[in-house]
C-alpha cells in the first residue's frame, strides 16, 4: 500500500514539509496556510493586522466594558478597504477575491468579534444584496457611500417571533400604486442604531419575500437600541421598526424574490464568520 508521501506531488511534498514554520509576522503557522496564499494576500492581511493593532486593540477592552460603539471606526474601516472588498472597484469596492475577504475578516476578529460583525454586516448583508440583486441606479447610489464608510448599513431579517424561521416573517409590504407601505419590526439587528441604510426583507400581498432598501429619515422608520448585552458589547445592536413607512418603488430590489435573497446573503456572511473563527485559536497559541 502506498503511503501518503508516495502519492503527493513534489509541490505538495514541499508544502507539507513547511508545516509548523514561523511566518514573517512571527506567527507559528501550524497548518501552513501561508503556503496557500499569494503575496498580495499576505500584504492585504498584514495591512489589516497593522490597522487592528493601531485602531482597535488599544481601546477594545474599554469599549467592551463601557458597551461603547466607536462610530469613528466606520470611516476608518472604509479607508482601509474593509467594507465590500469583493465588490467591483467601479462601485467603490476593492475588486478582491474571497480569500482576501476572508483574511480581512480574520484579522478584524483578532481585535474583536463585534468589530468584525460591523464589517461583515456592511459587506455581506448590505452591499452584497444591493450589488447582486439591485438595479444599476441602486448600485451607484448606495454602494460607494457604504464602501467608504460615509454610510453604515444593516440587514433586517430576524423578527421578534421568527428568529430562526425567516419564512414565518410577518413584516408586510403593500403596493399602493405609486409607492409601497412597509409595516412590521425586526429584532437583534447589528448596526441598526447607527445605520443610514437598511436592507429589509418583507412579504408582499402574495406572500412572496421582497428586498427593500429603507433609508434613514423616512417617516415612520425608527431604530431603538438594545442595551445590556453580554457579548459583542463594542458593536451596536437594535431594532428596526416600520410604522406605515412609505417606500419609493425605486427602493425595491428588482432582481430577487423569495428566501433565496436573504439566505444567499447569510451564506456570504458565514464565509467571513468562518474565517473569523480561525483568529482566536491562532492568536491564543501565538501569544508571547
C-alpha atoms as a PDB file:
ATOM      1  CA  UNK A   1       0.000   0.000   0.000  1.00  0.00           C
ATOM      2  CA  UNK A   2       1.336   3.418  -0.920  1.00  0.00           C
ATOM      3  CA  UNK A   3       1.920   5.924   1.837  1.00  0.00           C
ATOM      4  CA  UNK A   4       0.632   9.486   1.642  1.00  0.00           C
ATOM      5  CA  UNK A   5       4.157  10.663   0.809  1.00  0.00           C
ATOM      6  CA  UNK A   6       4.286   8.315  -2.212  1.00  0.00           C
ATOM      7  CA  UNK A   7       1.219   9.859  -3.851  1.00  0.00           C
ATOM      8  CA  UNK A   8       1.986  13.521  -3.180  1.00  0.00           C
ATOM      9  CA  UNK A   9       3.358  15.656  -5.965  1.00  0.00           C
ATOM     10  CA  UNK A  10       6.755  17.346  -5.425  1.00  0.00           C
ATOM     11  CA  UNK A  11       4.935  20.636  -4.823  1.00  0.00           C
ATOM     12  CA  UNK A  12       2.675  19.043  -2.214  1.00  0.00           C
ATOM     13  CA  UNK A  13       5.654  17.394  -0.502  1.00  0.00           C
ATOM     14  CA  UNK A  14       7.368  20.767  -0.242  1.00  0.00           C
ATOM     15  CA  UNK A  15       4.146  22.282   1.040  1.00  0.00           C
ATOM     16  CA  UNK A  16       3.801  19.567   3.693  1.00  0.00           C
ATOM     17  CA  UNK A  17       7.412  19.882   4.770  1.00  0.00           C
ATOM     18  CA  UNK A  18       6.896  23.519   5.728  1.00  0.00           C
ATOM     19  CA  UNK A  19       4.068  22.863   8.188  1.00  0.00           C
ATOM     20  CA  UNK A  20       4.623  24.373  11.579  1.00  0.00           C
ATOM     21  CA  UNK A  21       7.033  27.009  10.295  1.00  0.00           C
ATOM     22  CA  UNK A  22       7.082  30.523  11.676  1.00  0.00           C
ATOM     23  CA  UNK A  23       6.000  33.114   9.136  1.00  0.00           C
ATOM     24  CA  UNK A  24       7.357  36.599   8.599  1.00  0.00           C
ATOM     25  CA  UNK A  25       4.895  38.080  11.079  1.00  0.00           C
ATOM     26  CA  UNK A  26       6.239  35.840  13.855  1.00  0.00           C
ATOM     27  CA  UNK A  27       3.188  33.541  13.955  1.00  0.00           C
ATOM     28  CA  UNK A  28       3.624  29.767  14.028  1.00  0.00           C
ATOM     29  CA  UNK A  29       1.655  28.556  11.018  1.00  0.00           C
ATOM     30  CA  UNK A  30       0.659  25.059  12.165  1.00  0.00           C
ATOM     31  CA  UNK A  31      -1.401  24.276   9.078  1.00  0.00           C
ATOM     32  CA  UNK A  32       0.862  26.102   6.616  1.00  0.00           C
ATOM     33  CA  UNK A  33      -1.941  28.369   5.460  1.00  0.00           C
ATOM     34  CA  UNK A  34       0.638  30.830   4.214  1.00  0.00           C
ATOM     35  CA  UNK A  35       1.690  28.261   1.654  1.00  0.00           C
ATOM     36  CA  UNK A  36      -1.737  28.642   0.046  1.00  0.00           C
ATOM     37  CA  UNK A  37      -1.632  32.440  -0.150  1.00  0.00           C
ATOM     38  CA  UNK A  38      -0.285  34.775  -2.800  1.00  0.00           C
ATOM     39  CA  UNK A  39       1.984  37.684  -1.960  1.00  0.00           C
ATOM     40  CA  UNK A  40      -0.980  40.010  -2.491  1.00  0.00           C
ATOM     41  CA  UNK A  41      -2.993  38.045   0.062  1.00  0.00           C
ATOM     42  CA  UNK A  42      -0.180  38.383   2.589  1.00  0.00           C
ATOM     43  CA  UNK A  43       0.126  42.124   2.001  1.00  0.00           C
ATOM     44  CA  UNK A  44      -3.629  42.579   2.494  1.00  0.00           C
ATOM     45  CA  UNK A  45      -3.535  40.526   5.677  1.00  0.00           C
ATOM     46  CA  UNK A  46      -0.605  42.492   7.077  1.00  0.00           C
ATOM     47  CA  UNK A  47      -2.256  45.801   6.228  1.00  0.00           C
ATOM     48  CA  UNK A  48      -5.412  44.887   8.142  1.00  0.00           C
ATOM     49  CA  UNK A  49      -3.406  43.379  11.007  1.00  0.00           C
ATOM     50  CA  UNK A  50      -1.494  46.644  11.388  1.00  0.00           C
ATOM     51  CA  UNK A  51      -4.768  48.581  11.250  1.00  0.00           C
ATOM     52  CA  UNK A  52      -6.317  46.456  14.001  1.00  0.00           C
ATOM     53  CA  UNK A  53      -3.271  46.822  16.237  1.00  0.00           C
ATOM     54  CA  UNK A  54      -3.335  50.576  15.733  1.00  0.00           C
ATOM     55  CA  UNK A  55      -7.058  51.408  15.760  1.00  0.00           C
ATOM     56  CA  UNK A  56      -8.850  48.639  17.680  1.00  0.00           C
ATOM     57  CA  UNK A  57      -6.629  46.665  20.058  1.00  0.00           C
ATOM     58  CA  UNK A  58      -5.505  49.587  22.275  1.00  0.00           C
ATOM     59  CA  UNK A  59      -9.122  50.571  23.087  1.00  0.00           C
ATOM     60  CA  UNK A  60     -11.222  47.443  22.721  1.00  0.00           C
ATOM     61  CA  UNK A  61     -11.215  46.489  26.416  1.00  0.00           C
ATOM     62  CA  UNK A  62     -12.547  49.921  27.369  1.00  0.00           C
ATOM     63  CA  UNK A  63     -15.152  49.890  24.585  1.00  0.00           C
ATOM     64  CA  UNK A  64     -16.366  46.444  25.638  1.00  0.00           C
ATOM     65  CA  UNK A  65     -16.532  47.345  29.326  1.00  0.00           C
ATOM     66  CA  UNK A  66     -18.472  50.528  28.550  1.00  0.00           C
ATOM     67  CA  UNK A  67     -20.658  48.895  25.859  1.00  0.00           C
ATOM     68  CA  UNK A  68     -19.458  51.679  23.574  1.00  0.00           C
ATOM     69  CA  UNK A  69     -19.636  51.526  19.793  1.00  0.00           C
ATOM     70  CA  UNK A  70     -16.855  53.732  18.381  1.00  0.00           C
ATOM     71  CA  UNK A  71     -18.738  55.315  15.480  1.00  0.00           C
ATOM     72  CA  UNK A  72     -15.500  56.796  14.150  1.00  0.00           C
ATOM     73  CA  UNK A  73     -14.321  53.278  13.286  1.00  0.00           C
ATOM     74  CA  UNK A  74     -16.838  53.141  10.418  1.00  0.00           C
ATOM     75  CA  UNK A  75     -14.975  55.723   8.328  1.00  0.00           C
ATOM     76  CA  UNK A  76     -11.670  54.095   9.218  1.00  0.00           C
ATOM     77  CA  UNK A  77     -12.924  50.692   8.053  1.00  0.00           C
ATOM     78  CA  UNK A  78     -13.881  52.342   4.779  1.00  0.00           C
ATOM     79  CA  UNK A  79     -10.469  53.927   4.374  1.00  0.00           C
ATOM     80  CA  UNK A  80      -8.663  50.628   4.904  1.00  0.00           C
ATOM     81  CA  UNK A  81     -10.931  48.755   2.460  1.00  0.00           C
ATOM     82  CA  UNK A  82     -12.738  46.521   4.962  1.00  0.00           C
ATOM     83  CA  UNK A  83     -16.209  47.221   3.554  1.00  0.00           C
ATOM     84  CA  UNK A  84     -17.246  45.236   0.493  1.00  0.00           C
ATOM     85  CA  UNK A  85     -13.757  44.138  -0.578  1.00  0.00           C
ATOM     86  CA  UNK A  86     -15.184  41.782  -3.229  1.00  0.00           C
ATOM     87  CA  UNK A  87     -17.438  44.467  -4.741  1.00  0.00           C
ATOM     88  CA  UNK A  88     -16.046  45.785  -8.072  1.00  0.00           C
ATOM     89  CA  UNK A  89     -13.961  48.934  -7.865  1.00  0.00           C
ATOM     90  CA  UNK A  90     -16.367  50.862 -10.087  1.00  0.00           C
ATOM     91  CA  UNK A  91     -18.850  50.807  -7.166  1.00  0.00           C
ATOM     92  CA  UNK A  92     -16.255  51.709  -4.546  1.00  0.00           C
ATOM     93  CA  UNK A  93     -15.278  48.172  -3.533  1.00  0.00           C
ATOM     94  CA  UNK A  94     -11.870  46.562  -3.627  1.00  0.00           C
ATOM     95  CA  UNK A  95     -12.429  44.136  -6.504  1.00  0.00           C
ATOM     96  CA  UNK A  96     -10.661  41.453  -4.474  1.00  0.00           C
ATOM     97  CA  UNK A  97     -11.199  37.699  -4.298  1.00  0.00           C
ATOM     98  CA  UNK A  98     -12.955  35.878  -1.486  1.00  0.00           C
ATOM     99  CA  UNK A  99      -9.727  34.682   0.111  1.00  0.00           C
ATOM    100  CA  UNK A 100      -8.806  38.335   0.592  1.00  0.00           C
ATOM    101  CA  UNK A 101     -12.232  38.954   2.120  1.00  0.00           C
ATOM    102  CA  UNK A 102     -11.730  36.040   4.494  1.00  0.00           C
ATOM    103  CA  UNK A 103      -8.310  37.269   5.559  1.00  0.00           C
ATOM    104  CA  UNK A 104      -9.686  40.743   6.243  1.00  0.00           C
ATOM    105  CA  UNK A 105     -12.433  39.307   8.458  1.00  0.00           C
ATOM    106  CA  UNK A 106      -9.920  37.063  10.226  1.00  0.00           C
ATOM    107  CA  UNK A 107      -7.654  39.965  11.110  1.00  0.00           C
ATOM    108  CA  UNK A 108     -10.507  42.173  12.341  1.00  0.00           C
ATOM    109  CA  UNK A 109     -11.657  39.266  14.520  1.00  0.00           C
ATOM    110  CA  UNK A 110      -8.228  39.251  16.151  1.00  0.00           C
ATOM    111  CA  UNK A 111      -9.188  42.632  17.544  1.00  0.00           C
ATOM    112  CA  UNK A 112     -12.816  41.900  18.432  1.00  0.00           C
ATOM    113  CA  UNK A 113     -15.793  39.852  17.260  1.00  0.00           C
ATOM    114  CA  UNK A 114     -18.095  42.859  17.486  1.00  0.00           C
ATOM    115  CA  UNK A 115     -15.850  44.886  15.183  1.00  0.00           C
ATOM    116  CA  UNK A 116     -15.779  42.004  12.714  1.00  0.00           C
ATOM    117  CA  UNK A 117     -19.561  41.822  12.912  1.00  0.00           C
ATOM    118  CA  UNK A 118     -19.788  45.503  11.960  1.00  0.00           C
ATOM    119  CA  UNK A 119     -17.687  44.881   8.849  1.00  0.00           C
ATOM    120  CA  UNK A 120     -19.372  41.561   7.972  1.00  0.00           C
ATOM    121  CA  UNK A 121     -22.836  43.085   8.027  1.00  0.00           C
ATOM    122  CA  UNK A 122     -21.784  46.030   5.893  1.00  0.00           C
ATOM    123  CA  UNK A 123     -20.107  43.914   3.222  1.00  0.00           C
ATOM    124  CA  UNK A 124     -22.064  40.669   3.086  1.00  0.00           C
ATOM    125  CA  UNK A 125     -25.542  41.622   4.248  1.00  0.00           C
ATOM    126  CA  UNK A 126     -25.919  45.155   2.877  1.00  0.00           C
ATOM    127  CA  UNK A 127     -23.522  45.725  -0.016  1.00  0.00           C
ATOM    128  CA  UNK A 128     -23.757  42.172  -1.379  1.00  0.00           C
ATOM    129  CA  UNK A 129     -27.560  42.170  -1.945  1.00  0.00           C
ATOM    130  CA  UNK A 130     -27.517  45.672  -3.409  1.00  0.00           C
ATOM    131  CA  UNK A 131     -24.800  44.638  -5.850  1.00  0.00           C
ATOM    132  CA  UNK A 132     -26.212  41.185  -6.589  1.00  0.00           C
ATOM    133  CA  UNK A 133     -29.921  41.985  -6.749  1.00  0.00           C
ATOM    134  CA  UNK A 134     -30.156  45.748  -7.086  1.00  0.00           C
ATOM    135  CA  UNK A 135     -30.632  47.935 -10.135  1.00  0.00           C
ATOM    136  CA  UNK A 136     -27.741  49.852 -11.646  1.00  0.00           C
ATOM    137  CA  UNK A 137     -29.161  53.046 -10.167  1.00  0.00           C
ATOM    138  CA  UNK A 138     -29.259  51.457  -6.694  1.00  0.00           C
ATOM    139  CA  UNK A 139     -25.682  50.236  -7.026  1.00  0.00           C
ATOM    140  CA  UNK A 140     -24.388  53.663  -7.963  1.00  0.00           C
ATOM    141  CA  UNK A 141     -26.421  55.467  -5.313  1.00  0.00           C
ATOM    142  CA  UNK A 142     -25.665  53.283  -2.302  1.00  0.00           C
ATOM    143  CA  UNK A 143     -22.511  51.209  -2.799  1.00  0.00           C
ATOM    144  CA  UNK A 144     -19.831  53.943  -2.972  1.00  0.00           C
ATOM    145  CA  UNK A 145     -21.056  55.588   0.241  1.00  0.00           C
ATOM    146  CA  UNK A 146     -21.263  52.235   2.015  1.00  0.00           C
ATOM    147  CA  UNK A 147     -17.787  51.247   0.802  1.00  0.00           C
ATOM    148  CA  UNK A 148     -16.224  54.487   2.009  1.00  0.00           C
ATOM    149  CA  UNK A 149     -17.867  54.327   5.426  1.00  0.00           C
ATOM    150  CA  UNK A 150     -19.803  57.522   4.822  1.00  0.00           C
ATOM    151  CA  UNK A 151     -22.903  55.395   5.381  1.00  0.00           C
ATOM    152  CA  UNK A 152     -23.389  52.433   7.692  1.00  0.00           C
ATOM    153  CA  UNK A 153     -25.907  49.766   6.740  1.00  0.00           C
ATOM    154  CA  UNK A 154     -27.827  46.974   8.445  1.00  0.00           C
ATOM    155  CA  UNK A 155     -29.779  43.864   7.440  1.00  0.00           C
ATOM    156  CA  UNK A 156     -33.348  43.307   8.583  1.00  0.00           C
ATOM    157  CA  UNK A 157     -34.452  39.665   8.574  1.00  0.00           C
ATOM    158  CA  UNK A 158     -34.832  38.411  12.177  1.00  0.00           C
ATOM    159  CA  UNK A 159     -38.168  39.251  13.801  1.00  0.00           C
ATOM    160  CA  UNK A 160     -39.294  39.178  17.450  1.00  0.00           C
ATOM    161  CA  UNK A 161     -41.300  35.965  16.923  1.00  0.00           C
ATOM    162  CA  UNK A 162     -39.432  34.478  13.955  1.00  0.00           C
ATOM    163  CA  UNK A 163     -35.702  34.451  14.686  1.00  0.00           C
ATOM    164  CA  UNK A 164     -34.697  31.125  13.136  1.00  0.00           C
ATOM    165  CA  UNK A 165     -37.757  30.828  10.904  1.00  0.00           C
ATOM    166  CA  UNK A 166     -37.473  33.600   8.317  1.00  0.00           C
ATOM    167  CA  UNK A 167     -40.274  32.079   6.266  1.00  0.00           C
ATOM    168  CA  UNK A 168     -42.654  32.926   9.110  1.00  0.00           C
ATOM    169  CA  UNK A 169     -41.963  36.661   8.945  1.00  0.00           C
ATOM    170  CA  UNK A 170     -44.915  38.995   9.351  1.00  0.00           C
ATOM    171  CA  UNK A 171     -43.363  42.274   8.190  1.00  0.00           C
ATOM    172  CA  UNK A 172     -45.608  43.380   5.299  1.00  0.00           C
ATOM    173  CA  UNK A 173     -45.019  45.324   2.109  1.00  0.00           C
ATOM    174  CA  UNK A 174     -48.181  46.659   0.466  1.00  0.00           C
ATOM    175  CA  UNK A 175     -48.346  48.054  -3.054  1.00  0.00           C
ATOM    176  CA  UNK A 176     -50.150  51.413  -3.099  1.00  0.00           C
ATOM    177  CA  UNK A 177     -49.717  52.119  -6.792  1.00  0.00           C
ATOM    178  CA  UNK A 178     -47.006  54.785  -6.934  1.00  0.00           C
ATOM    179  CA  UNK A 179     -45.268  53.553  -3.785  1.00  0.00           C
ATOM    180  CA  UNK A 180     -45.209  50.789  -1.175  1.00  0.00           C
ATOM    181  CA  UNK A 181     -46.056  50.883   2.529  1.00  0.00           C
ATOM    182  CA  UNK A 182     -43.910  48.883   4.965  1.00  0.00           C
ATOM    183  CA  UNK A 183     -45.154  47.732   8.394  1.00  0.00           C
ATOM    184  CA  UNK A 184     -43.535  45.458  10.964  1.00  0.00           C
ATOM    185  CA  UNK A 185     -40.416  45.076  13.074  1.00  0.00           C
ATOM    186  CA  UNK A 186     -37.023  43.381  13.079  1.00  0.00           C
ATOM    187  CA  UNK A 187     -35.038  42.471  16.198  1.00  0.00           C
ATOM    188  CA  UNK A 188     -31.380  41.866  17.126  1.00  0.00           C
ATOM    189  CA  UNK A 189     -30.099  43.859  14.166  1.00  0.00           C
ATOM    190  CA  UNK A 190     -26.389  44.665  14.159  1.00  0.00           C
ATOM    191  CA  UNK A 191     -25.543  48.266  13.193  1.00  0.00           C
ATOM    192  CA  UNK A 192     -29.186  49.373  13.264  1.00  0.00           C
ATOM    193  CA  UNK A 193     -28.969  52.256  15.773  1.00  0.00           C
ATOM    194  CA  UNK A 194     -26.254  53.933  13.664  1.00  0.00           C
ATOM    195  CA  UNK A 195     -27.422  52.937  10.196  1.00  0.00           C
ATOM    196  CA  UNK A 196     -28.233  55.250   7.315  1.00  0.00           C
ATOM    197  CA  UNK A 197     -29.477  52.366   5.151  1.00  0.00           C
ATOM    198  CA  UNK A 198     -31.296  49.115   5.977  1.00  0.00           C
ATOM    199  CA  UNK A 199     -31.768  46.201   3.590  1.00  0.00           C
ATOM    200  CA  UNK A 200     -35.065  44.757   4.828  1.00  0.00           C
ATOM    201  CA  UNK A 201     -36.923  41.601   3.838  1.00  0.00           C
ATOM    202  CA  UNK A 202     -40.732  41.644   3.902  1.00  0.00           C
ATOM    203  CA  UNK A 203     -43.697  39.758   2.450  1.00  0.00           C
ATOM    204  CA  UNK A 204     -45.903  41.309  -0.199  1.00  0.00           C
ATOM    205  CA  UNK A 205     -49.647  40.718  -0.596  1.00  0.00           C
ATOM    206  CA  UNK A 206     -48.968  37.397  -2.354  1.00  0.00           C
ATOM    207  CA  UNK A 207     -46.773  36.207   0.490  1.00  0.00           C
ATOM    208  CA  UNK A 208     -43.598  36.500  -1.585  1.00  0.00           C
ATOM    209  CA  UNK A 209     -40.483  37.831   0.131  1.00  0.00           C
ATOM    210  CA  UNK A 210     -39.053  41.020  -1.360  1.00  0.00           C
ATOM    211  CA  UNK A 211     -35.960  43.062  -0.544  1.00  0.00           C
ATOM    212  CA  UNK A 212     -36.454  46.725   0.362  1.00  0.00           C
ATOM    213  CA  UNK A 213     -33.876  49.497   0.851  1.00  0.00           C
ATOM    214  CA  UNK A 214     -35.059  51.673   3.745  1.00  0.00           C
ATOM    215  CA  UNK A 215     -33.281  54.980   4.304  1.00  0.00           C
ATOM    216  CA  UNK A 216     -32.747  56.955   7.483  1.00  0.00           C
ATOM    217  CA  UNK A 217     -35.207  59.832   7.638  1.00  0.00           C
ATOM    218  CA  UNK A 218     -38.146  58.021   6.069  1.00  0.00           C
ATOM    219  CA  UNK A 219     -41.201  58.873   8.168  1.00  0.00           C
ATOM    220  CA  UNK A 220     -42.232  56.042  10.492  1.00  0.00           C
ATOM    221  CA  UNK A 221     -38.804  54.350  10.461  1.00  0.00           C
ATOM    222  CA  UNK A 222     -37.071  54.103  13.861  1.00  0.00           C
ATOM    223  CA  UNK A 223     -34.117  52.100  15.214  1.00  0.00           C
ATOM    224  CA  UNK A 224     -34.256  51.658  19.016  1.00  0.00           C
ATOM    225  CA  UNK A 225     -31.018  50.436  20.577  1.00  0.00           C
ATOM    226  CA  UNK A 226     -30.751  47.226  22.640  1.00  0.00           C
ATOM    227  CA  UNK A 227     -28.835  47.679  25.887  1.00  0.00           C
ATOM    228  CA  UNK A 228     -27.174  45.389  28.459  1.00  0.00           C
ATOM    229  CA  UNK A 229     -25.788  42.835  26.004  1.00  0.00           C
ATOM    230  CA  UNK A 230     -23.482  40.195  27.449  1.00  0.00           C
ATOM    231  CA  UNK A 231     -21.376  39.790  24.319  1.00  0.00           C
ATOM    232  CA  UNK A 232     -20.304  41.746  21.236  1.00  0.00           C
ATOM    233  CA  UNK A 233     -20.516  44.753  23.525  1.00  0.00           C
ATOM    234  CA  UNK A 234     -18.445  47.036  21.301  1.00  0.00           C
ATOM    235  CA  UNK A 235     -20.860  46.587  18.405  1.00  0.00           C
ATOM    236  CA  UNK A 236     -24.172  48.396  18.203  1.00  0.00           C
ATOM    237  CA  UNK A 237     -27.373  46.334  18.093  1.00  0.00           C
ATOM    238  CA  UNK A 238     -31.018  47.285  17.988  1.00  0.00           C
ATOM    239  CA  UNK A 239     -34.415  47.004  16.369  1.00  0.00           C
ATOM    240  CA  UNK A 240     -35.941  48.181  13.119  1.00  0.00           C
ATOM    241  CA  UNK A 241     -39.494  49.451  13.474  1.00  0.00           C
ATOM    242  CA  UNK A 242     -41.676  50.298  10.465  1.00  0.00           C
ATOM    243  CA  UNK A 243     -44.896  52.191  11.082  1.00  0.00           C
ATOM    244  CA  UNK A 244     -46.546  52.868   7.715  1.00  0.00           C
ATOM    245  CA  UNK A 245     -43.192  53.691   6.126  1.00  0.00           C
ATOM    246  CA  UNK A 246     -43.653  54.966   2.581  1.00  0.00           C
ATOM    247  CA  UNK A 247     -41.148  53.222   0.285  1.00  0.00           C
ATOM    248  CA  UNK A 248     -40.447  54.561  -3.231  1.00  0.00           C
ATOM    249  CA  UNK A 249     -40.732  51.899  -5.902  1.00  0.00           C
ATOM    250  CA  UNK A 250     -37.121  52.519  -6.904  1.00  0.00           C
ATOM    251  CA  UNK A 251     -36.064  51.227  -3.458  1.00  0.00           C
ATOM    252  CA  UNK A 252     -37.265  47.669  -4.124  1.00  0.00           C
ATOM    253  CA  UNK A 253     -34.529  45.177  -5.076  1.00  0.00           C
ATOM    254  CA  UNK A 254     -35.746  44.135  -8.529  1.00  0.00           C
ATOM    255  CA  UNK A 255     -33.726  41.007  -9.222  1.00  0.00           C
ATOM    256  CA  UNK A 256     -34.660  38.573  -6.457  1.00  0.00           C
ATOM    257  CA  UNK A 257     -37.779  37.166  -4.832  1.00  0.00           C
ATOM    258  CA  UNK A 258     -38.317  34.606  -2.085  1.00  0.00           C
ATOM    259  CA  UNK A 259     -35.990  33.260   0.586  1.00  0.00           C
ATOM    260  CA  UNK A 260     -33.162  32.967  -1.949  1.00  0.00           C
ATOM    261  CA  UNK A 261     -32.437  36.657  -1.373  1.00  0.00           C
ATOM    262  CA  UNK A 262     -31.792  36.752   2.382  1.00  0.00           C
ATOM    263  CA  UNK A 263     -30.363  33.239   2.588  1.00  0.00           C
ATOM    264  CA  UNK A 264     -27.755  33.951  -0.092  1.00  0.00           C
ATOM    265  CA  UNK A 265     -26.701  36.995   1.933  1.00  0.00           C
ATOM    266  CA  UNK A 266     -26.318  34.819   5.018  1.00  0.00           C
ATOM    267  CA  UNK A 267     -24.175  32.380   3.024  1.00  0.00           C
ATOM    268  CA  UNK A 268     -21.868  35.240   2.100  1.00  0.00           C
ATOM    269  CA  UNK A 269     -21.693  36.427   5.706  1.00  0.00           C
ATOM    270  CA  UNK A 270     -20.997  32.947   7.068  1.00  0.00           C
ATOM    271  CA  UNK A 271     -17.939  32.682   4.850  1.00  0.00           C
ATOM    272  CA  UNK A 272     -16.427  35.690   6.599  1.00  0.00           C
ATOM    273  CA  UNK A 273     -17.575  34.493  10.009  1.00  0.00           C
ATOM    274  CA  UNK A 274     -15.873  31.126   9.421  1.00  0.00           C
ATOM    275  CA  UNK A 275     -12.609  32.860   8.572  1.00  0.00           C
ATOM    276  CA  UNK A 276     -13.010  34.987  11.670  1.00  0.00           C
ATOM    277  CA  UNK A 277     -13.232  31.927  13.899  1.00  0.00           C
ATOM    278  CA  UNK A 278      -9.709  30.963  12.884  1.00  0.00           C
ATOM    279  CA  UNK A 279      -8.370  34.090  14.564  1.00  0.00           C
ATOM    280  CA  UNK A 280      -8.905  33.382  18.304  1.00  0.00           C
ATOM    281  CA  UNK A 281      -7.123  29.988  18.411  1.00  0.00           C
ATOM    282  CA  UNK A 282      -4.211  31.155  16.263  1.00  0.00           C
ATOM    283  CA  UNK A 283      -3.884  34.316  18.356  1.00  0.00           C
ATOM    284  CA  UNK A 284      -4.037  32.329  21.604  1.00  0.00           C
ATOM    285  CA  UNK A 285      -1.347  29.888  20.514  1.00  0.00           C
ATOM    286  CA  UNK A 286       0.954  32.673  19.376  1.00  0.00           C
ATOM    287  CA  UNK A 287       0.902  34.935  22.400  1.00  0.00           C
ATOM    288  CA  UNK A 288       4.389  35.978  23.544  1.00  0.00           C
END
